[in-house]
Amino acid sequence: MPGMDTDDEKRILDGLYALKNEFEGVYTLSTGRLLKEVDNCTHAIFVRFPSEKVLADYYNSPPLLHIASEMRPFNHGEYTVDYSTHVEDNEKSIYRIGKEFYDGVEHVVFLKVKECVSQEAVEDFLASVYQLANQMDSVVVQVTAGANNYIRNKVFSHAFVAHIRSVELLEHFYSHPVYVKFWEEKVEPITSWTISADYVPHNSSTSSL
């Protein structure tokens, strides 16, 4: 969404942030401007739902359709990945409650796995993603990952999202030996295209447009 002035951007981000209260099925939501524009993308949104049924309802919900209409004059395209994932069975992990989620950075990666790659290699990649939170617990709060089950055009086959504890730790995250090894050994050999983006979650006291 390039070309927005400050007021328009705040209005749109406030509207996206308000979806967490306006659509009953949202477990957690974050949105914001990318720290660095990537592949002509300027903003991102991450939303978690309890089931695929609720996700389908969300796509047709009046609150989403309303903010989508507000975005239309500015939005020149988007990439979407929906995936099923597993998190620890507690409220803090499921709803992403706590200062570390409120203040951190979302690291979002979309990937296109090569058609020739075996299912075993894909499963090994996904297992390695989940290990990042354990191996980098001083940097990473939570990681989720999965195969794309988006109901429309699937540009990417997989995605993962890692929540970094702070902006100050982001550079350390990228240069961390664990992440460098993971990228070189688990990501690059099986993918033909990747997009990595980071954003600080936008927070607002506004509940609706």
N, C-alpha and C. Protein backbone atom coordinates (compact mmCIF):
# COMPACT_ATOMS: atom_id res chain seq x y z
N MET A 1 0.84 -1.19 0.00
CA MET A 1 0.00 0.00 0.00
C MET A 1 0.88 1.25 0.00
N PRO A 2 1.58 1.53 -1.09
CA PRO A 2 2.45 2.71 -1.14
C PRO A 2 1.64 3.99 -1.32
N GLY A 3 2.26 5.10 -0.99
CA GLY A 3 1.66 6.39 -1.30
C GLY A 3 0.66 6.91 -0.29
N MET A 4 0.47 6.25 0.85
CA MET A 4 -0.46 6.73 1.85
C MET A 4 0.18 7.83 2.69
N ASP A 5 -0.62 8.83 3.05
CA ASP A 5 -0.10 9.81 4.00
C ASP A 5 -0.26 9.23 5.41
N THR A 6 0.25 9.95 6.39
CA THR A 6 0.27 9.45 7.76
C THR A 6 -1.13 9.19 8.30
N ASP A 7 -2.05 10.10 8.02
CA ASP A 7 -3.42 9.94 8.53
C ASP A 7 -4.11 8.73 7.92
N ASP A 8 -3.96 8.53 6.60
CA ASP A 8 -4.57 7.38 5.94
C ASP A 8 -3.97 6.07 6.48
N GLU A 9 -2.66 6.06 6.66
CA GLU A 9 -2.02 4.85 7.16
C GLU A 9 -2.51 4.51 8.57
N LYS A 10 -2.60 5.49 9.44
CA LYS A 10 -3.09 5.23 10.79
C LYS A 10 -4.54 4.73 10.76
N ARG A 11 -5.35 5.32 9.90
CA ARG A 11 -6.75 4.91 9.79
C ARG A 11 -6.85 3.46 9.34
N ILE A 12 -6.05 3.08 8.34
CA ILE A 12 -6.10 1.71 7.83
C ILE A 12 -5.56 0.73 8.87
N LEU A 13 -4.44 1.04 9.49
CA LEU A 13 -3.87 0.14 10.48
C LEU A 13 -4.76 0.03 11.71
N ASP A 14 -5.38 1.13 12.12
CA ASP A 14 -6.34 1.06 13.23
C ASP A 14 -7.51 0.15 12.85
N GLY A 15 -7.97 0.24 11.59
CA GLY A 15 -9.07 -0.60 11.14
C GLY A 15 -8.71 -2.07 11.11
N LEU A 16 -7.50 -2.39 10.67
CA LEU A 16 -7.04 -3.78 10.67
C LEU A 16 -6.88 -4.29 12.10
N TYR A 17 -6.29 -3.47 12.96
CA TYR A 17 -6.09 -3.86 14.35
C TYR A 17 -7.43 -4.10 15.06
N ALA A 18 -8.45 -3.34 14.67
CA ALA A 18 -9.76 -3.46 15.30
C ALA A 18 -10.45 -4.77 14.97
N LEU A 19 -10.00 -5.47 13.92
CA LEU A 19 -10.61 -6.75 13.57
C LEU A 19 -10.55 -7.75 14.72
N LYS A 20 -9.55 -7.63 15.57
CA LYS A 20 -9.40 -8.58 16.69
C LYS A 20 -10.58 -8.49 17.65
N ASN A 21 -11.27 -7.32 17.68
CA ASN A 21 -12.44 -7.15 18.53
C ASN A 21 -13.75 -7.23 17.75
N GLU A 22 -13.68 -6.90 16.46
CA GLU A 22 -14.91 -6.84 15.66
C GLU A 22 -15.31 -8.19 15.08
N PHE A 23 -14.33 -9.12 14.95
CA PHE A 23 -14.65 -10.47 14.49
C PHE A 23 -14.41 -11.42 15.65
N GLU A 24 -15.44 -12.08 16.09
CA GLU A 24 -15.41 -12.85 17.33
C GLU A 24 -14.41 -14.00 17.32
N GLY A 25 -14.11 -14.56 16.16
CA GLY A 25 -13.27 -15.75 16.10
C GLY A 25 -11.78 -15.52 16.11
N VAL A 26 -11.32 -14.28 16.16
CA VAL A 26 -9.88 -14.01 16.13
C VAL A 26 -9.24 -14.33 17.48
N TYR A 27 -8.24 -15.20 17.47
CA TYR A 27 -7.47 -15.49 18.68
C TYR A 27 -6.46 -14.40 18.97
N THR A 28 -5.74 -13.98 17.94
CA THR A 28 -4.73 -12.93 18.10
C THR A 28 -4.49 -12.30 16.74
N LEU A 29 -4.05 -11.05 16.75
CA LEU A 29 -3.83 -10.32 15.50
C LEU A 29 -2.74 -9.29 15.70
N SER A 30 -1.89 -9.14 14.71
CA SER A 30 -0.93 -8.03 14.69
C SER A 30 -0.79 -7.54 13.26
N THR A 31 -0.51 -6.27 13.13
CA THR A 31 -0.35 -5.67 11.81
C THR A 31 0.60 -4.50 11.92
N GLY A 32 1.19 -4.08 10.80
CA GLY A 32 2.10 -2.95 10.84
C GLY A 32 2.80 -2.73 9.53
N ARG A 33 3.55 -1.63 9.47
CA ARG A 33 4.37 -1.30 8.30
C ARG A 33 5.67 -2.08 8.36
N LEU A 34 6.10 -2.66 7.23
CA LEU A 34 7.36 -3.38 7.20
C LEU A 34 8.52 -2.44 7.52
N LEU A 35 9.50 -2.94 8.26
CA LEU A 35 10.68 -2.14 8.57
C LEU A 35 11.46 -1.81 7.30
N LYS A 36 11.35 -2.69 6.31
CA LYS A 36 12.00 -2.48 5.01
C LYS A 36 11.09 -3.05 3.94
N GLU A 37 10.79 -2.26 2.91
CA GLU A 37 9.92 -2.72 1.83
C GLU A 37 10.53 -3.95 1.15
N VAL A 38 9.71 -4.97 0.93
CA VAL A 38 10.18 -6.23 0.36
C VAL A 38 9.29 -6.61 -0.82
N ASP A 39 9.87 -6.76 -2.00
CA ASP A 39 9.12 -7.17 -3.19
C ASP A 39 7.88 -6.29 -3.38
N ASN A 40 8.06 -4.98 -3.21
CA ASN A 40 7.00 -3.99 -3.36
C ASN A 40 5.92 -4.08 -2.28
N CYS A 41 6.14 -4.89 -1.25
CA CYS A 41 5.19 -4.98 -0.14
C CYS A 41 5.58 -3.96 0.94
N THR A 42 4.57 -3.31 1.51
CA THR A 42 4.81 -2.25 2.49
C THR A 42 4.26 -2.56 3.87
N HIS A 43 3.24 -3.44 3.96
CA HIS A 43 2.57 -3.72 5.23
C HIS A 43 2.27 -5.21 5.34
N ALA A 44 1.96 -5.64 6.55
CA ALA A 44 1.63 -7.06 6.77
C ALA A 44 0.60 -7.18 7.88
N ILE A 45 -0.09 -8.32 7.88
CA ILE A 45 -1.03 -8.65 8.95
C ILE A 45 -0.92 -10.14 9.25
N PHE A 46 -0.92 -10.47 10.55
CA PHE A 46 -0.87 -11.85 11.01
C PHE A 46 -2.09 -12.08 11.89
N VAL A 47 -2.89 -13.11 11.57
CA VAL A 47 -4.10 -13.39 12.34
C VAL A 47 -4.16 -14.88 12.64
N ARG A 48 -4.60 -15.22 13.85
CA ARG A 48 -4.72 -16.62 14.24
C ARG A 48 -6.19 -16.93 14.56
N PHE A 49 -6.65 -18.10 14.08
CA PHE A 49 -8.03 -18.55 14.27
C PHE A 49 -8.03 -19.94 14.90
N PRO A 50 -9.15 -20.32 15.53
CA PRO A 50 -9.21 -21.64 16.16
C PRO A 50 -9.42 -22.78 15.17
N SER A 51 -9.92 -22.48 13.95
CA SER A 51 -10.22 -23.55 12.99
C SER A 51 -10.31 -22.99 11.58
N GLU A 52 -10.27 -23.89 10.61
CA GLU A 52 -10.42 -23.48 9.22
C GLU A 52 -11.83 -22.95 8.96
N LYS A 53 -12.82 -23.47 9.68
CA LYS A 53 -14.20 -22.99 9.53
C LYS A 53 -14.29 -21.51 9.92
N VAL A 54 -13.67 -21.14 11.03
CA VAL A 54 -13.70 -19.75 11.47
C VAL A 54 -12.94 -18.87 10.48
N LEU A 55 -11.84 -19.38 9.94
CA LEU A 55 -11.09 -18.64 8.93
C LEU A 55 -11.97 -18.35 7.71
N ALA A 56 -12.72 -19.34 7.25
CA ALA A 56 -13.60 -19.15 6.10
C ALA A 56 -14.67 -18.10 6.41
N ASP A 57 -15.21 -18.12 7.62
CA ASP A 57 -16.19 -17.11 8.02
C ASP A 57 -15.58 -15.72 8.04
N TYR A 58 -14.34 -15.63 8.48
CA TYR A 58 -13.62 -14.35 8.53
C TYR A 58 -13.52 -13.72 7.15
N TYR A 59 -13.20 -14.54 6.14
CA TYR A 59 -13.03 -14.00 4.79
C TYR A 59 -14.30 -13.34 4.26
N ASN A 60 -15.45 -13.78 4.77
CA ASN A 60 -16.73 -13.23 4.30
C ASN A 60 -17.41 -12.33 5.32
N SER A 61 -16.68 -11.94 6.36
CA SER A 61 -17.29 -11.18 7.45
C SER A 61 -17.39 -9.69 7.08
N PRO A 62 -18.45 -9.02 7.53
CA PRO A 62 -18.61 -7.58 7.27
C PRO A 62 -17.43 -6.73 7.77
N PRO A 63 -16.85 -7.00 8.97
CA PRO A 63 -15.73 -6.16 9.39
C PRO A 63 -14.54 -6.23 8.43
N LEU A 64 -14.21 -7.43 7.93
CA LEU A 64 -13.10 -7.54 6.99
C LEU A 64 -13.44 -6.89 5.66
N LEU A 65 -14.64 -7.11 5.16
CA LEU A 65 -15.04 -6.52 3.89
C LEU A 65 -15.04 -5.00 3.97
N HIS A 66 -15.39 -4.48 5.14
CA HIS A 66 -15.40 -3.03 5.32
C HIS A 66 -13.99 -2.45 5.24
N ILE A 67 -13.07 -3.01 6.01
CA ILE A 67 -11.71 -2.46 5.99
C ILE A 67 -11.04 -2.73 4.64
N ALA A 68 -11.39 -3.84 3.98
CA ALA A 68 -10.85 -4.11 2.65
C ALA A 68 -11.28 -3.03 1.66
N SER A 69 -12.51 -2.55 1.79
CA SER A 69 -12.98 -1.48 0.91
C SER A 69 -12.25 -0.18 1.20
N GLU A 70 -11.91 0.06 2.47
CA GLU A 70 -11.14 1.24 2.84
C GLU A 70 -9.72 1.17 2.29
N MET A 71 -9.17 -0.04 2.20
CA MET A 71 -7.81 -0.23 1.71
C MET A 71 -7.71 -0.17 0.20
N ARG A 72 -8.80 -0.44 -0.49
CA ARG A 72 -8.78 -0.64 -1.94
C ARG A 72 -8.07 0.48 -2.72
N PRO A 73 -8.28 1.76 -2.39
CA PRO A 73 -7.61 2.81 -3.16
C PRO A 73 -6.09 2.78 -3.05
N PHE A 74 -5.58 2.15 -1.99
CA PHE A 74 -4.14 2.15 -1.73
C PHE A 74 -3.48 0.81 -2.05
N ASN A 75 -4.27 -0.25 -2.06
CA ASN A 75 -3.72 -1.61 -2.16
C ASN A 75 -3.47 -2.00 -3.61
N HIS A 76 -2.21 -2.29 -3.95
CA HIS A 76 -1.84 -2.65 -5.31
C HIS A 76 -1.53 -4.14 -5.45
N GLY A 77 -1.93 -4.93 -4.47
CA GLY A 77 -1.69 -6.38 -4.54
C GLY A 77 -1.30 -6.91 -3.18
N GLU A 78 -1.32 -8.24 -3.06
CA GLU A 78 -0.98 -8.86 -1.78
C GLU A 78 -0.57 -10.31 -1.97
N TYR A 79 0.12 -10.83 -0.99
CA TYR A 79 0.43 -12.26 -0.89
C TYR A 79 -0.26 -12.78 0.37
N THR A 80 -0.87 -13.94 0.28
CA THR A 80 -1.55 -14.53 1.44
C THR A 80 -1.17 -16.00 1.58
N VAL A 81 -0.86 -16.40 2.80
CA VAL A 81 -0.64 -17.81 3.11
C VAL A 81 -1.47 -18.15 4.36
N ASP A 82 -2.27 -19.19 4.27
CA ASP A 82 -3.00 -19.74 5.42
C ASP A 82 -2.41 -21.10 5.74
N TYR A 83 -2.12 -21.37 7.00
CA TYR A 83 -1.58 -22.67 7.35
C TYR A 83 -2.07 -23.12 8.72
N SER A 84 -2.19 -24.43 8.87
CA SER A 84 -2.52 -25.02 10.17
C SER A 84 -1.23 -25.26 10.93
N THR A 85 -1.27 -25.03 12.24
CA THR A 85 -0.05 -25.13 13.03
C THR A 85 -0.37 -25.61 14.43
N HIS A 86 0.67 -25.80 15.24
CA HIS A 86 0.52 -26.23 16.62
C HIS A 86 1.25 -25.25 17.53
N VAL A 87 0.63 -24.91 18.65
CA VAL A 87 1.29 -24.10 19.67
C VAL A 87 1.05 -24.76 21.02
N GLU A 88 1.80 -24.33 22.02
CA GLU A 88 1.63 -24.88 23.36
C GLU A 88 0.21 -24.62 23.85
N ASP A 89 -0.31 -25.58 24.61
CA ASP A 89 -1.70 -25.53 25.05
C ASP A 89 -1.85 -24.69 26.32
N ASN A 90 -1.65 -23.39 26.17
CA ASN A 90 -1.90 -22.46 27.26
C ASN A 90 -2.30 -21.11 26.67
N GLU A 91 -2.98 -20.30 27.47
CA GLU A 91 -3.52 -19.03 26.95
C GLU A 91 -2.43 -18.10 26.46
N LYS A 92 -1.32 -18.05 27.15
CA LYS A 92 -0.24 -17.14 26.76
C LYS A 92 0.26 -17.45 25.36
N SER A 93 0.42 -18.74 25.05
CA SER A 93 0.93 -19.13 23.73
C SER A 93 -0.14 -19.01 22.65
N ILE A 94 -1.36 -19.43 22.95
CA ILE A 94 -2.43 -19.42 21.95
C ILE A 94 -2.83 -18.00 21.58
N TYR A 95 -3.05 -17.17 22.61
CA TYR A 95 -3.53 -15.81 22.38
C TYR A 95 -2.38 -14.80 22.30
N ARG A 96 -1.16 -15.27 22.46
CA ARG A 96 0.04 -14.43 22.41
C ARG A 96 -0.10 -13.26 23.38
N ILE A 97 -0.25 -13.61 24.64
CA ILE A 97 -0.42 -12.63 25.71
C ILE A 97 0.93 -12.37 26.38
N GLY A 98 1.21 -11.11 26.66
CA GLY A 98 2.43 -10.78 27.39
C GLY A 98 3.25 -9.71 26.70
N LYS A 99 4.13 -9.09 27.47
CA LYS A 99 4.93 -7.97 26.99
C LYS A 99 5.81 -8.37 25.80
N GLU A 100 6.31 -9.60 25.80
CA GLU A 100 7.21 -10.01 24.73
C GLU A 100 6.50 -10.04 23.37
N PHE A 101 5.18 -10.29 23.36
CA PHE A 101 4.42 -10.24 22.12
C PHE A 101 4.03 -8.81 21.78
N TYR A 102 3.74 -8.03 22.79
CA TYR A 102 3.29 -6.66 22.57
C TYR A 102 4.42 -5.78 22.04
N ASP A 103 5.63 -6.01 22.52
CA ASP A 103 6.75 -5.13 22.19
C ASP A 103 7.68 -5.66 21.10
N GLY A 104 7.53 -6.92 20.69
CA GLY A 104 8.52 -7.52 19.80
C GLY A 104 8.34 -7.19 18.34
N VAL A 105 8.95 -8.03 17.49
CA VAL A 105 8.93 -7.88 16.04
C VAL A 105 8.43 -9.16 15.41
N GLU A 106 7.56 -9.04 14.42
CA GLU A 106 7.10 -10.20 13.66
C GLU A 106 8.06 -10.42 12.48
N HIS A 107 8.59 -11.64 12.39
CA HIS A 107 9.43 -12.04 11.27
C HIS A 107 8.62 -13.03 10.43
N VAL A 108 8.24 -12.61 9.24
CA VAL A 108 7.35 -13.39 8.37
C VAL A 108 8.12 -13.87 7.15
N VAL A 109 8.02 -15.16 6.85
CA VAL A 109 8.70 -15.73 5.69
C VAL A 109 7.71 -16.54 4.86
N PHE A 110 7.61 -16.21 3.58
CA PHE A 110 6.83 -16.98 2.62
C PHE A 110 7.80 -17.71 1.72
N LEU A 111 7.50 -18.98 1.42
CA LEU A 111 8.42 -19.81 0.66
C LEU A 111 7.69 -20.57 -0.44
N LYS A 112 8.38 -20.78 -1.55
CA LYS A 112 7.88 -21.63 -2.63
C LYS A 112 8.82 -22.82 -2.75
N VAL A 113 8.34 -23.98 -2.30
CA VAL A 113 9.16 -25.19 -2.34
C VAL A 113 9.16 -25.76 -3.76
N LYS A 114 10.33 -26.20 -4.20
CA LYS A 114 10.46 -26.77 -5.54
C LYS A 114 9.62 -28.04 -5.67
N GLU A 115 9.05 -28.24 -6.84
CA GLU A 115 8.18 -29.41 -7.06
C GLU A 115 8.92 -30.72 -6.91
N CYS A 116 10.23 -30.72 -7.15
CA CYS A 116 11.01 -31.95 -7.10
C CYS A 116 11.38 -32.37 -5.67
N VAL A 117 11.10 -31.52 -4.70
CA VAL A 117 11.50 -31.79 -3.31
C VAL A 117 10.60 -32.86 -2.70
N SER A 118 11.20 -33.81 -1.99
CA SER A 118 10.44 -34.89 -1.38
C SER A 118 9.66 -34.41 -0.17
N GLN A 119 8.62 -35.16 0.18
CA GLN A 119 7.83 -34.83 1.36
C GLN A 119 8.67 -34.95 2.62
N GLU A 120 9.61 -35.88 2.62
CA GLU A 120 10.49 -36.04 3.78
C GLU A 120 11.33 -34.78 4.01
N ALA A 121 11.82 -34.18 2.92
CA ALA A 121 12.62 -32.97 3.04
C ALA A 121 11.78 -31.81 3.55
N VAL A 122 10.53 -31.72 3.09
CA VAL A 122 9.62 -30.67 3.55
C VAL A 122 9.33 -30.84 5.03
N GLU A 123 9.06 -32.06 5.46
CA GLU A 123 8.78 -32.31 6.87
C GLU A 123 10.00 -32.01 7.74
N ASP A 124 11.18 -32.31 7.22
CA ASP A 124 12.41 -31.99 7.95
C ASP A 124 12.57 -30.49 8.09
N PHE A 125 12.25 -29.74 7.04
CA PHE A 125 12.29 -28.28 7.09
C PHE A 125 11.33 -27.75 8.14
N LEU A 126 10.09 -28.25 8.14
CA LEU A 126 9.10 -27.76 9.10
C LEU A 126 9.51 -28.08 10.54
N ALA A 127 10.04 -29.27 10.75
CA ALA A 127 10.51 -29.63 12.09
C ALA A 127 11.63 -28.71 12.54
N SER A 128 12.49 -28.34 11.60
CA SER A 128 13.61 -27.45 11.92
C SER A 128 13.12 -26.05 12.27
N VAL A 129 12.05 -25.60 11.62
CA VAL A 129 11.48 -24.29 11.94
C VAL A 129 11.07 -24.25 13.41
N TYR A 130 10.35 -25.28 13.84
CA TYR A 130 9.85 -25.30 15.21
C TYR A 130 10.98 -25.36 16.24
N GLN A 131 12.13 -25.89 15.84
CA GLN A 131 13.26 -25.96 16.76
C GLN A 131 13.90 -24.60 17.02
N LEU A 132 13.63 -23.64 16.15
CA LEU A 132 14.27 -22.32 16.30
C LEU A 132 13.93 -21.69 17.65
N ALA A 133 12.68 -21.83 18.09
CA ALA A 133 12.28 -21.23 19.36
C ALA A 133 13.04 -21.85 20.53
N ASN A 134 13.33 -23.15 20.44
CA ASN A 134 14.07 -23.82 21.51
C ASN A 134 15.55 -23.49 21.47
N GLN A 135 16.10 -23.42 20.26
CA GLN A 135 17.53 -23.20 20.10
C GLN A 135 17.92 -21.73 20.21
N MET A 136 16.93 -20.82 20.09
CA MET A 136 17.20 -19.38 20.15
C MET A 136 16.23 -18.73 21.13
N ASP A 137 16.01 -19.35 22.27
CA ASP A 137 14.97 -18.88 23.18
C ASP A 137 15.25 -17.50 23.76
N SER A 138 16.48 -17.04 23.73
CA SER A 138 16.78 -15.69 24.21
C SER A 138 16.41 -14.63 23.18
N VAL A 139 16.12 -15.07 21.95
CA VAL A 139 15.81 -14.15 20.86
C VAL A 139 14.39 -14.34 20.37
N VAL A 140 13.96 -15.60 20.24
CA VAL A 140 12.67 -15.93 19.63
C VAL A 140 11.66 -16.33 20.71
N VAL A 141 10.47 -15.74 20.65
CA VAL A 141 9.42 -16.06 21.61
C VAL A 141 8.61 -17.27 21.15
N GLN A 142 8.20 -17.27 19.88
CA GLN A 142 7.34 -18.33 19.36
C GLN A 142 7.52 -18.44 17.85
N VAL A 143 7.41 -19.67 17.35
CA VAL A 143 7.47 -19.91 15.90
C VAL A 143 6.29 -20.79 15.51
N THR A 144 5.66 -20.45 14.39
CA THR A 144 4.65 -21.33 13.79
C THR A 144 4.97 -21.48 12.32
N ALA A 145 4.52 -22.60 11.72
CA ALA A 145 4.83 -22.87 10.31
C ALA A 145 3.83 -23.86 9.75
N GLY A 146 3.76 -23.90 8.41
CA GLY A 146 2.88 -24.89 7.79
C GLY A 146 2.78 -24.73 6.30
N ALA A 147 2.06 -25.67 5.68
CA ALA A 147 1.82 -25.65 4.24
C ALA A 147 0.63 -24.76 3.93
N ASN A 148 0.68 -24.09 2.80
CA ASN A 148 -0.35 -23.14 2.42
C ASN A 148 -1.64 -23.84 2.01
N ASN A 149 -2.73 -23.51 2.70
CA ASN A 149 -4.05 -24.03 2.30
C ASN A 149 -5.01 -22.90 1.94
N TYR A 150 -4.43 -21.79 1.46
CA TYR A 150 -5.22 -20.64 1.03
C TYR A 150 -6.21 -21.07 -0.05
N ILE A 151 -7.47 -20.60 0.06
CA ILE A 151 -8.52 -21.08 -0.83
C ILE A 151 -8.47 -20.45 -2.21
N ARG A 152 -7.66 -19.40 -2.38
CA ARG A 152 -7.59 -18.73 -3.68
C ARG A 152 -6.24 -19.05 -4.33
N ASN A 153 -5.64 -18.08 -4.96
CA ASN A 153 -4.39 -18.31 -5.68
C ASN A 153 -3.23 -18.55 -4.71
N LYS A 154 -2.56 -19.69 -4.84
CA LYS A 154 -1.44 -20.03 -3.97
C LYS A 154 -0.12 -19.70 -4.66
N VAL A 155 0.41 -18.53 -4.36
CA VAL A 155 1.70 -18.13 -4.93
C VAL A 155 2.83 -18.85 -4.22
N PHE A 156 2.71 -18.98 -2.90
CA PHE A 156 3.72 -19.66 -2.10
C PHE A 156 3.16 -20.95 -1.54
N SER A 157 4.04 -21.91 -1.27
CA SER A 157 3.59 -23.22 -0.80
C SER A 157 3.64 -23.35 0.72
N HIS A 158 4.49 -22.57 1.38
CA HIS A 158 4.65 -22.69 2.83
C HIS A 158 4.97 -21.31 3.43
N ALA A 159 4.88 -21.25 4.75
CA ALA A 159 5.23 -20.01 5.45
C ALA A 159 5.61 -20.33 6.88
N PHE A 160 6.35 -19.42 7.50
CA PHE A 160 6.54 -19.48 8.94
C PHE A 160 6.64 -18.07 9.50
N VAL A 161 6.23 -17.93 10.75
CA VAL A 161 6.27 -16.65 11.45
C VAL A 161 7.00 -16.85 12.77
N ALA A 162 8.00 -16.03 13.00
CA ALA A 162 8.75 -16.07 14.27
C ALA A 162 8.58 -14.72 14.95
N HIS A 163 8.24 -14.75 16.22
CA HIS A 163 8.13 -13.49 16.96
C HIS A 163 9.42 -13.25 17.71
N ILE A 164 10.11 -12.14 17.35
CA ILE A 164 11.39 -11.78 17.95
C ILE A 164 11.14 -10.88 19.16
N ARG A 165 11.93 -11.04 20.20
CA ARG A 165 11.66 -10.37 21.47
C ARG A 165 11.74 -8.84 21.39
N SER A 166 12.57 -8.29 20.50
CA SER A 166 12.69 -6.83 20.42
C SER A 166 13.31 -6.43 19.09
N VAL A 167 13.14 -5.17 18.74
CA VAL A 167 13.79 -4.63 17.53
C VAL A 167 15.30 -4.73 17.65
N GLU A 168 15.81 -4.49 18.84
CA GLU A 168 17.25 -4.51 19.06
C GLU A 168 17.85 -5.88 18.80
N LEU A 169 17.05 -6.95 18.95
CA LEU A 169 17.55 -8.30 18.76
C LEU A 169 17.40 -8.80 17.33
N LEU A 170 16.77 -8.02 16.47
CA LEU A 170 16.49 -8.49 15.11
C LEU A 170 17.77 -8.77 14.32
N GLU A 171 18.72 -7.86 14.38
CA GLU A 171 19.99 -8.08 13.67
C GLU A 171 20.70 -9.31 14.21
N HIS A 172 20.65 -9.50 15.52
CA HIS A 172 21.27 -10.68 16.13
C HIS A 172 20.56 -11.95 15.67
N PHE A 173 19.25 -11.88 15.49
CA PHE A 173 18.48 -13.02 15.00
C PHE A 173 18.98 -13.45 13.62
N TYR A 174 19.11 -12.49 12.70
CA TYR A 174 19.54 -12.81 11.34
C TYR A 174 20.96 -13.38 11.29
N SER A 175 21.81 -12.91 12.18
CA SER A 175 23.21 -13.34 12.16
C SER A 175 23.49 -14.51 13.10
N HIS A 176 22.50 -14.94 13.85
CA HIS A 176 22.69 -16.03 14.81
C HIS A 176 23.10 -17.30 14.07
N PRO A 177 24.13 -18.01 14.55
CA PRO A 177 24.60 -19.22 13.86
C PRO A 177 23.50 -20.25 13.62
N VAL A 178 22.55 -20.37 14.55
CA VAL A 178 21.46 -21.33 14.39
C VAL A 178 20.59 -20.96 13.19
N TYR A 179 20.26 -19.67 13.08
CA TYR A 179 19.39 -19.25 11.98
C TYR A 179 20.14 -19.29 10.65
N VAL A 180 21.39 -18.90 10.65
CA VAL A 180 22.19 -18.95 9.41
C VAL A 180 22.29 -20.39 8.91
N LYS A 181 22.57 -21.32 9.81
CA LYS A 181 22.66 -22.73 9.43
C LYS A 181 21.32 -23.26 8.94
N PHE A 182 20.25 -22.91 9.66
CA PHE A 182 18.91 -23.32 9.26
C PHE A 182 18.60 -22.85 7.85
N TRP A 183 18.90 -21.58 7.55
CA TRP A 183 18.59 -21.03 6.23
C TRP A 183 19.41 -21.70 5.13
N GLU A 184 20.69 -21.88 5.40
CA GLU A 184 21.58 -22.46 4.39
C GLU A 184 21.30 -23.94 4.14
N GLU A 185 20.94 -24.68 5.20
CA GLU A 185 20.80 -26.14 5.07
C GLU A 185 19.37 -26.61 4.88
N LYS A 186 18.40 -25.87 5.41
CA LYS A 186 17.01 -26.33 5.37
C LYS A 186 16.12 -25.54 4.41
N VAL A 187 16.46 -24.28 4.17
CA VAL A 187 15.60 -23.43 3.32
C VAL A 187 16.11 -23.35 1.89
N GLU A 188 17.33 -22.90 1.70
CA GLU A 188 17.85 -22.66 0.36
C GLU A 188 17.81 -23.90 -0.55
N PRO A 189 18.14 -25.10 -0.05
CA PRO A 189 18.16 -26.26 -0.96
C PRO A 189 16.79 -26.67 -1.48
N ILE A 190 15.71 -26.31 -0.80
CA ILE A 190 14.40 -26.82 -1.20
C ILE A 190 13.48 -25.75 -1.80
N THR A 191 13.91 -24.49 -1.83
CA THR A 191 13.02 -23.41 -2.28
C THR A 191 13.51 -22.76 -3.57
N SER A 192 12.55 -22.29 -4.36
CA SER A 192 12.86 -21.52 -5.57
C SER A 192 12.60 -20.03 -5.38
N TRP A 193 11.88 -19.67 -4.30
CA TRP A 193 11.55 -18.27 -4.06
C TRP A 193 11.19 -18.10 -2.59
N THR A 194 11.74 -17.08 -1.96
CA THR A 194 11.40 -16.77 -0.57
C THR A 194 11.24 -15.26 -0.42
N ILE A 195 10.38 -14.87 0.49
CA ILE A 195 10.23 -13.48 0.89
C ILE A 195 10.30 -13.43 2.41
N SER A 196 11.18 -12.59 2.93
CA SER A 196 11.30 -12.39 4.37
C SER A 196 11.00 -10.94 4.69
N ALA A 197 10.15 -10.71 5.68
CA ALA A 197 9.77 -9.35 6.05
C ALA A 197 9.62 -9.25 7.55
N ASP A 198 9.83 -8.04 8.07
CA ASP A 198 9.73 -7.79 9.50
C ASP A 198 8.90 -6.54 9.76
N TYR A 199 8.11 -6.58 10.83
CA TYR A 199 7.38 -5.38 11.23
C TYR A 199 7.15 -5.35 12.72
N VAL A 200 7.11 -4.14 13.26
CA VAL A 200 6.75 -3.93 14.65
C VAL A 200 5.23 -3.79 14.71
N PRO A 201 4.55 -4.59 15.53
CA PRO A 201 3.09 -4.53 15.57
C PRO A 201 2.57 -3.14 15.91
N HIS A 202 1.56 -2.71 15.14
CA HIS A 202 0.87 -1.45 15.37
C HIS A 202 -0.13 -1.65 16.50
N ASN A 203 -0.14 -0.75 17.46
CA ASN A 203 -1.09 -0.86 18.57
C ASN A 203 -1.95 0.39 18.62
N SER A 204 -3.22 0.21 18.91
CA SER A 204 -4.15 1.34 18.90
C SER A 204 -5.19 1.16 19.98
N SER A 205 -5.63 2.26 20.55
CA SER A 205 -6.74 2.22 21.50
C SER A 205 -8.06 2.35 20.77
N THR A 206 -8.00 2.56 19.44
CA THR A 206 -9.21 2.69 18.65
C THR A 206 -9.80 1.33 18.39
N SER A 207 -11.07 1.14 18.65
CA SER A 207 -11.71 -0.16 18.49
C SER A 207 -12.33 -0.34 17.13
N SER A 208 -12.54 0.75 16.37
CA SER A 208 -13.13 0.64 15.05
C SER A 208 -12.85 1.90 14.26
N LEU A 209 -13.13 1.83 12.94
CA LEU A 209 -12.98 3.03 12.11
C LEU A 209 -14.03 4.08 12.50
